Amino acid sequence: LAAAESWSRERGHQRICLGVAVDNPDARRLYQRLGYAPTGELSTVTYEYVDAEGVARTATETDEMLVKVL
């Protein structure tokens, strides 16, 4: 994250955003400790993948966008 923030700052960006799964409170706490604030903006995506046994599966995830002022 520090490298992405530095890269963005060097290019003149004033803020950076990331998405965190609504069912991942540990990641949310980490990002908030690093200065990211919740926006209340949710996005849901559905995608297909092949699991370790070779079975095609479909997953749906909902994320909340977090933002940090650089």
Protein backbone atom coordinates (compact mmCIF):
# COMPACT_ATOMS: atom_id res chain seq x y z
CA LEU A 1 0.00 0.00 0.00
CA ALA A 2 2.82 2.39 0.82
CA ALA A 3 4.27 1.93 -2.68
CA ALA A 4 0.89 2.55 -4.34
CA GLU A 5 0.37 5.65 -2.21
CA SER A 6 3.84 6.94 -3.05
CA TRP A 7 3.36 6.24 -6.76
CA SER A 8 0.04 8.10 -6.73
CA ARG A 9 1.43 11.03 -4.76
CA GLU A 10 4.39 11.37 -7.16
CA ARG A 11 1.91 11.71 -10.03
CA GLY A 12 0.01 14.51 -8.35
CA HIS A 13 -2.97 12.58 -7.02
CA GLN A 14 -4.44 13.97 -3.83
CA ARG A 15 -6.32 10.88 -2.70
CA ILE A 16 -6.38 7.14 -3.23
CA CYS A 17 -9.25 4.64 -2.98
CA LEU A 18 -9.54 0.92 -2.42
CA GLY A 19 -12.34 -1.56 -1.97
CA VAL A 20 -12.72 -3.84 1.02
CA ALA A 21 -15.17 -6.72 1.23
CA VAL A 22 -18.03 -5.96 3.60
CA ASP A 23 -17.50 -9.38 5.19
CA ASN A 24 -13.80 -8.77 5.93
CA PRO A 25 -13.64 -6.75 9.17
CA ASP A 26 -9.96 -7.54 9.77
CA ALA A 27 -8.93 -5.93 6.47
CA ARG A 28 -11.23 -2.97 7.16
CA ARG A 29 -9.57 -2.37 10.54
CA LEU A 30 -6.12 -2.53 8.94
CA TYR A 31 -7.01 -0.04 6.22
CA GLN A 32 -8.61 2.33 8.71
CA ARG A 33 -5.48 2.19 10.91
CA LEU A 34 -3.53 3.17 7.78
CA GLY A 35 -5.72 6.26 7.32
CA TYR A 36 -8.41 5.03 4.92
CA ALA A 37 -11.95 6.25 5.66
CA PRO A 38 -15.21 4.55 4.65
CA THR A 39 -17.24 6.32 1.98
CA GLY A 40 -20.49 4.37 2.23
CA GLU A 41 -20.21 3.62 -1.50
CA LEU A 42 -20.85 -0.07 -2.15
CA SER A 43 -20.21 -2.08 -5.29
CA THR A 44 -21.14 -5.67 -6.00
CA VAL A 45 -19.43 -7.83 -8.57
CA THR A 46 -20.12 -11.38 -9.70
CA TYR A 47 -17.37 -13.41 -11.35
CA GLU A 48 -16.51 -16.95 -12.33
CA TYR A 49 -13.40 -18.85 -11.34
CA VAL A 50 -12.05 -22.39 -11.26
CA ASP A 51 -11.30 -23.76 -7.80
CA ALA A 52 -8.34 -25.94 -6.79
CA GLU A 53 -10.23 -29.10 -7.80
CA GLY A 54 -10.94 -27.74 -11.28
CA VAL A 55 -14.62 -27.00 -10.61
CA ALA A 56 -16.04 -23.86 -12.23
CA ARG A 57 -17.74 -21.68 -9.62
CA THR A 58 -19.46 -18.32 -9.43
CA ALA A 59 -18.86 -15.85 -6.61
CA THR A 60 -20.48 -12.55 -5.68
CA GLU A 61 -18.68 -10.01 -3.50
CA THR A 62 -19.76 -6.66 -2.15
CA ASP A 63 -17.07 -4.09 -1.35
CA GLU A 64 -17.14 -0.69 0.27
CA MET A 65 -14.85 1.98 -1.10
CA LEU A 66 -12.41 3.50 1.38
CA VAL A 67 -10.50 6.70 0.63
CA LYS A 68 -7.29 8.24 1.96
CA VAL A 69 -6.12 11.80 1.48
CA LEU A 70 -2.52 11.78 0.33
